[in-house]
């Protein structure tokens, strides 16, 4: 994790983590958390937030935004991130299920 973390960033994360419990799948909350975790250097939590955000975007049928998140997920080597990136691509282009 990043050193010398701004306490306001930690406060924001705590607030939005509580919001996510009240409103699971909230797009704005997940967007904030993915950026905040990235700033914090917590790749695992960032990846989890991005996957949840991608699921929300697919549910909302916001495929352009989902594509952008899919591109970010491709940067992770973990299976869950790669699986979600493939799922996003398959929704956009069902012929290419690879």
N, C-alpha and C. Protein backbone atom coordinates (compact mmCIF):
# COMPACT_ATOMS: atom_id res chain seq x y z
N UNK A 1 0.83 -1.20 0.00
CA UNK A 1 0.00 0.00 0.00
C UNK A 1 0.87 1.25 0.00
N UNK A 2 0.28 2.31 -0.48
CA UNK A 2 1.00 3.57 -0.57
C UNK A 2 1.29 4.11 0.83
N UNK A 3 2.45 4.73 0.94
CA UNK A 3 2.80 5.37 2.22
C UNK A 3 2.27 6.79 2.24
N UNK A 4 2.21 7.37 3.43
CA UNK A 4 1.75 8.75 3.59
C UNK A 4 0.38 8.97 2.94
N UNK A 5 -0.55 8.14 3.31
CA UNK A 5 -1.90 8.21 2.74
C UNK A 5 -2.66 9.38 3.36
N UNK A 6 -3.32 10.12 2.52
CA UNK A 6 -4.14 11.24 2.97
C UNK A 6 -5.28 10.69 3.83
N UNK A 7 -5.41 11.17 5.06
CA UNK A 7 -6.49 10.69 5.93
C UNK A 7 -7.88 10.91 5.32
N UNK A 8 -8.03 11.95 4.50
CA UNK A 8 -9.32 12.20 3.85
C UNK A 8 -9.66 11.09 2.86
N UNK A 9 -8.64 10.52 2.22
CA UNK A 9 -8.87 9.39 1.32
C UNK A 9 -9.39 8.20 2.11
N UNK A 10 -8.78 7.95 3.26
CA UNK A 10 -9.23 6.84 4.11
C UNK A 10 -10.65 7.08 4.62
N UNK A 11 -10.97 8.32 4.97
CA UNK A 11 -12.33 8.66 5.41
C UNK A 11 -13.32 8.43 4.28
N UNK A 12 -12.94 8.84 3.08
CA UNK A 12 -13.81 8.66 1.92
C UNK A 12 -14.06 7.19 1.64
N UNK A 13 -13.01 6.39 1.72
CA UNK A 13 -13.15 4.95 1.50
C UNK A 13 -14.09 4.35 2.53
N UNK A 14 -13.91 4.69 3.78
CA UNK A 14 -14.78 4.17 4.84
C UNK A 14 -16.24 4.55 4.58
N UNK A 15 -16.46 5.80 4.18
CA UNK A 15 -17.82 6.27 3.90
C UNK A 15 -18.43 5.48 2.75
N UNK A 16 -17.69 5.35 1.65
CA UNK A 16 -18.24 4.68 0.47
C UNK A 16 -18.37 3.18 0.67
N UNK A 17 -17.53 2.59 1.51
CA UNK A 17 -17.71 1.17 1.84
C UNK A 17 -19.03 0.97 2.59
N UNK A 18 -19.37 1.91 3.47
CA UNK A 18 -20.67 1.85 4.16
C UNK A 18 -21.81 2.04 3.17
N UNK A 19 -21.64 2.97 2.25
CA UNK A 19 -22.66 3.21 1.23
C UNK A 19 -22.91 1.96 0.39
N UNK A 20 -21.85 1.24 0.09
CA UNK A 20 -21.97 0.05 -0.73
C UNK A 20 -22.78 -1.03 -0.02
N UNK A 21 -22.68 -1.07 1.30
CA UNK A 21 -23.48 -2.03 2.06
C UNK A 21 -24.97 -1.67 2.00
N UNK A 22 -25.26 -0.39 1.98
CA UNK A 22 -26.64 0.07 1.93
C UNK A 22 -27.18 -0.01 0.50
N UNK A 23 -26.33 0.30 -0.47
CA UNK A 23 -26.73 0.32 -1.88
C UNK A 23 -25.77 -0.53 -2.70
N UNK A 24 -25.84 -1.84 -2.57
CA UNK A 24 -24.92 -2.70 -3.32
C UNK A 24 -25.07 -2.47 -4.83
N UNK A 25 -23.96 -2.44 -5.51
CA UNK A 25 -24.01 -2.24 -6.95
C UNK A 25 -24.19 -0.81 -7.39
N UNK A 26 -24.10 0.14 -6.45
CA UNK A 26 -24.24 1.55 -6.82
C UNK A 26 -23.04 1.98 -7.66
N UNK A 27 -23.33 2.45 -8.83
CA UNK A 27 -22.28 2.79 -9.81
C UNK A 27 -21.31 3.85 -9.30
N UNK A 28 -21.83 4.93 -8.78
CA UNK A 28 -20.97 6.03 -8.31
C UNK A 28 -20.07 5.56 -7.18
N UNK A 29 -20.62 4.80 -6.27
CA UNK A 29 -19.84 4.28 -5.14
C UNK A 29 -18.73 3.38 -5.63
N UNK A 30 -19.04 2.49 -6.55
CA UNK A 30 -18.02 1.57 -7.07
C UNK A 30 -16.95 2.31 -7.87
N UNK A 31 -17.35 3.33 -8.62
CA UNK A 31 -16.37 4.13 -9.36
C UNK A 31 -15.41 4.81 -8.39
N UNK A 32 -15.96 5.45 -7.34
CA UNK A 32 -15.10 6.11 -6.36
C UNK A 32 -14.15 5.10 -5.72
N UNK A 33 -14.70 3.98 -5.27
CA UNK A 33 -13.88 3.00 -4.57
C UNK A 33 -12.77 2.44 -5.45
N UNK A 34 -13.06 2.19 -6.72
CA UNK A 34 -12.02 1.65 -7.59
C UNK A 34 -10.86 2.63 -7.73
N UNK A 35 -11.18 3.91 -7.85
CA UNK A 35 -10.13 4.94 -7.96
C UNK A 35 -9.39 5.10 -6.62
N UNK A 36 -10.15 5.11 -5.54
CA UNK A 36 -9.54 5.29 -4.21
C UNK A 36 -8.61 4.13 -3.87
N UNK A 37 -9.05 2.90 -4.16
CA UNK A 37 -8.19 1.74 -3.88
C UNK A 37 -6.94 1.78 -4.75
N UNK A 38 -7.08 2.27 -5.98
CA UNK A 38 -5.91 2.41 -6.85
C UNK A 38 -4.92 3.40 -6.24
N UNK A 39 -5.43 4.53 -5.76
CA UNK A 39 -4.58 5.54 -5.13
C UNK A 39 -3.91 4.98 -3.87
N UNK A 40 -4.63 4.11 -3.19
CA UNK A 40 -4.12 3.51 -1.96
C UNK A 40 -3.11 2.41 -2.27
N UNK A 41 -3.15 1.89 -3.49
CA UNK A 41 -2.25 0.80 -3.86
C UNK A 41 -2.79 -0.57 -3.50
N UNK A 42 -4.09 -0.67 -3.25
CA UNK A 42 -4.71 -1.94 -2.88
C UNK A 42 -5.33 -2.57 -4.14
N UNK A 43 -4.50 -3.32 -4.87
CA UNK A 43 -4.93 -3.89 -6.15
C UNK A 43 -6.07 -4.89 -5.99
N UNK A 44 -6.07 -5.66 -4.92
CA UNK A 44 -7.12 -6.66 -4.73
C UNK A 44 -8.48 -6.00 -4.59
N UNK A 45 -8.56 -4.98 -3.74
CA UNK A 45 -9.84 -4.29 -3.55
C UNK A 45 -10.22 -3.50 -4.80
N UNK A 46 -9.23 -2.94 -5.48
CA UNK A 46 -9.51 -2.22 -6.72
C UNK A 46 -10.11 -3.18 -7.75
N UNK A 47 -9.50 -4.34 -7.88
CA UNK A 47 -9.99 -5.34 -8.83
C UNK A 47 -11.42 -5.76 -8.49
N UNK A 48 -11.67 -6.00 -7.22
CA UNK A 48 -13.02 -6.40 -6.78
C UNK A 48 -14.04 -5.31 -7.11
N UNK A 49 -13.69 -4.07 -6.83
CA UNK A 49 -14.61 -2.95 -7.13
C UNK A 49 -14.85 -2.83 -8.63
N UNK A 50 -13.81 -3.02 -9.44
CA UNK A 50 -13.97 -2.93 -10.89
C UNK A 50 -14.86 -4.05 -11.42
N UNK A 51 -14.72 -5.25 -10.87
CA UNK A 51 -15.57 -6.36 -11.29
C UNK A 51 -17.02 -6.08 -10.93
N UNK A 52 -17.25 -5.60 -9.72
CA UNK A 52 -18.62 -5.26 -9.31
C UNK A 52 -19.18 -4.14 -10.18
N UNK A 53 -18.33 -3.17 -10.51
CA UNK A 53 -18.76 -2.07 -11.37
C UNK A 53 -19.12 -2.60 -12.76
N UNK A 54 -18.31 -3.50 -13.28
CA UNK A 54 -18.59 -4.08 -14.60
C UNK A 54 -19.92 -4.81 -14.59
N UNK A 55 -20.19 -5.55 -13.52
CA UNK A 55 -21.47 -6.26 -13.41
C UNK A 55 -22.63 -5.26 -13.41
N UNK A 56 -22.48 -4.17 -12.69
CA UNK A 56 -23.51 -3.13 -12.65
C UNK A 56 -23.72 -2.53 -14.03
N UNK A 57 -22.64 -2.21 -14.72
CA UNK A 57 -22.73 -1.59 -16.04
C UNK A 57 -23.40 -2.53 -17.04
N UNK A 58 -23.09 -3.81 -16.96
CA UNK A 58 -23.74 -4.77 -17.85
C UNK A 58 -25.23 -4.87 -17.55
N UNK A 59 -25.57 -4.87 -16.27
CA UNK A 59 -26.99 -4.89 -15.87
C UNK A 59 -27.72 -3.66 -16.40
N UNK A 60 -27.04 -2.52 -16.34
CA UNK A 60 -27.63 -1.26 -16.81
C UNK A 60 -27.57 -1.12 -18.33
N UNK A 61 -26.92 -2.07 -18.99
CA UNK A 61 -26.73 -2.06 -20.45
C UNK A 61 -25.93 -0.84 -20.92
N UNK A 62 -25.01 -0.38 -20.08
CA UNK A 62 -24.10 0.70 -20.46
C UNK A 62 -22.82 0.03 -20.98
N UNK A 63 -22.93 -0.46 -22.21
CA UNK A 63 -21.86 -1.28 -22.77
C UNK A 63 -20.59 -0.50 -23.07
N UNK A 64 -20.71 0.77 -23.42
CA UNK A 64 -19.51 1.57 -23.67
C UNK A 64 -18.68 1.72 -22.40
N UNK A 65 -19.35 2.03 -21.29
CA UNK A 65 -18.64 2.16 -20.01
C UNK A 65 -18.09 0.80 -19.58
N UNK A 66 -18.85 -0.27 -19.82
CA UNK A 66 -18.38 -1.61 -19.47
C UNK A 66 -17.12 -1.96 -20.26
N UNK A 67 -17.08 -1.56 -21.54
CA UNK A 67 -15.88 -1.80 -22.35
C UNK A 67 -14.65 -1.15 -21.72
N UNK A 68 -14.82 0.08 -21.25
CA UNK A 68 -13.69 0.79 -20.63
C UNK A 68 -13.22 0.07 -19.37
N UNK A 69 -14.15 -0.43 -18.59
CA UNK A 69 -13.78 -1.18 -17.38
C UNK A 69 -13.14 -2.50 -17.77
N UNK A 70 -13.66 -3.14 -18.82
CA UNK A 70 -13.06 -4.38 -19.30
C UNK A 70 -11.61 -4.20 -19.70
N UNK A 71 -11.30 -3.08 -20.33
CA UNK A 71 -9.92 -2.79 -20.70
C UNK A 71 -9.04 -2.66 -19.46
N UNK A 72 -9.57 -2.04 -18.43
CA UNK A 72 -8.80 -1.91 -17.18
C UNK A 72 -8.60 -3.27 -16.53
N UNK A 73 -9.64 -4.11 -16.59
CA UNK A 73 -9.55 -5.44 -15.98
C UNK A 73 -8.54 -6.33 -16.70
N UNK A 74 -8.35 -6.10 -17.98
CA UNK A 74 -7.38 -6.87 -18.74
C UNK A 74 -5.96 -6.67 -18.21
N UNK A 75 -5.73 -5.59 -17.49
CA UNK A 75 -4.42 -5.31 -16.92
C UNK A 75 -4.11 -6.16 -15.68
N UNK A 76 -5.10 -6.86 -15.18
CA UNK A 76 -4.91 -7.73 -14.02
C UNK A 76 -4.69 -9.16 -14.51
N UNK A 77 -3.83 -9.88 -13.84
CA UNK A 77 -3.56 -11.26 -14.26
C UNK A 77 -4.51 -12.27 -13.60
N UNK A 78 -5.22 -11.86 -12.56
CA UNK A 78 -6.09 -12.77 -11.83
C UNK A 78 -7.24 -13.26 -12.70
N UNK A 79 -7.64 -14.50 -12.47
CA UNK A 79 -8.66 -15.16 -13.27
C UNK A 79 -9.99 -14.43 -13.24
N UNK A 80 -10.41 -13.93 -12.06
CA UNK A 80 -11.71 -13.27 -11.99
C UNK A 80 -11.76 -12.02 -12.86
N UNK A 81 -10.67 -11.28 -12.91
CA UNK A 81 -10.61 -10.08 -13.75
C UNK A 81 -10.62 -10.46 -15.23
N UNK A 82 -9.85 -11.47 -15.58
CA UNK A 82 -9.81 -11.91 -16.98
C UNK A 82 -11.17 -12.47 -17.42
N UNK A 83 -11.82 -13.21 -16.53
CA UNK A 83 -13.14 -13.76 -16.85
C UNK A 83 -14.15 -12.64 -17.10
N UNK A 84 -14.12 -11.60 -16.28
CA UNK A 84 -15.07 -10.50 -16.47
C UNK A 84 -14.75 -9.74 -17.76
N UNK A 85 -13.49 -9.54 -18.05
CA UNK A 85 -13.12 -8.86 -19.29
C UNK A 85 -13.62 -9.65 -20.50
N UNK A 86 -13.49 -10.99 -20.46
CA UNK A 86 -14.01 -11.84 -21.53
C UNK A 86 -15.53 -11.75 -21.62
N UNK A 87 -16.18 -11.72 -20.47
CA UNK A 87 -17.65 -11.63 -20.45
C UNK A 87 -18.11 -10.33 -21.10
N UNK A 88 -17.43 -9.25 -20.79
CA UNK A 88 -17.78 -7.95 -21.40
C UNK A 88 -17.60 -8.02 -22.91
N UNK A 89 -16.47 -8.57 -23.36
CA UNK A 89 -16.23 -8.69 -24.80
C UNK A 89 -17.29 -9.57 -25.47
N UNK A 90 -17.69 -10.63 -24.79
CA UNK A 90 -18.68 -11.54 -25.39
C UNK A 90 -20.06 -10.90 -25.50
N UNK A 91 -20.38 -9.99 -24.60
CA UNK A 91 -21.65 -9.28 -24.67
C UNK A 91 -21.63 -8.32 -25.85
N UNK A 92 -20.50 -7.68 -26.05
CA UNK A 92 -20.37 -6.71 -27.14
C UNK A 92 -20.23 -7.39 -28.50
N UNK A 93 -19.56 -8.55 -28.50
CA UNK A 93 -19.31 -9.25 -29.76
C UNK A 93 -19.50 -10.74 -29.51
N UNK A 94 -20.73 -11.24 -29.50
CA UNK A 94 -21.01 -12.62 -29.13
C UNK A 94 -20.32 -13.66 -30.00
N UNK A 95 -19.88 -13.27 -31.20
CA UNK A 95 -19.20 -14.22 -32.08
C UNK A 95 -17.84 -14.59 -31.53
N UNK A 96 -17.18 -13.64 -30.87
CA UNK A 96 -15.84 -13.88 -30.33
C UNK A 96 -15.93 -14.27 -28.87
N UNK A 97 -16.19 -15.53 -28.59
CA UNK A 97 -16.33 -16.00 -27.21
C UNK A 97 -15.01 -16.44 -26.63
N UNK A 98 -13.91 -16.24 -27.32
CA UNK A 98 -12.59 -16.67 -26.83
C UNK A 98 -12.11 -15.77 -25.74
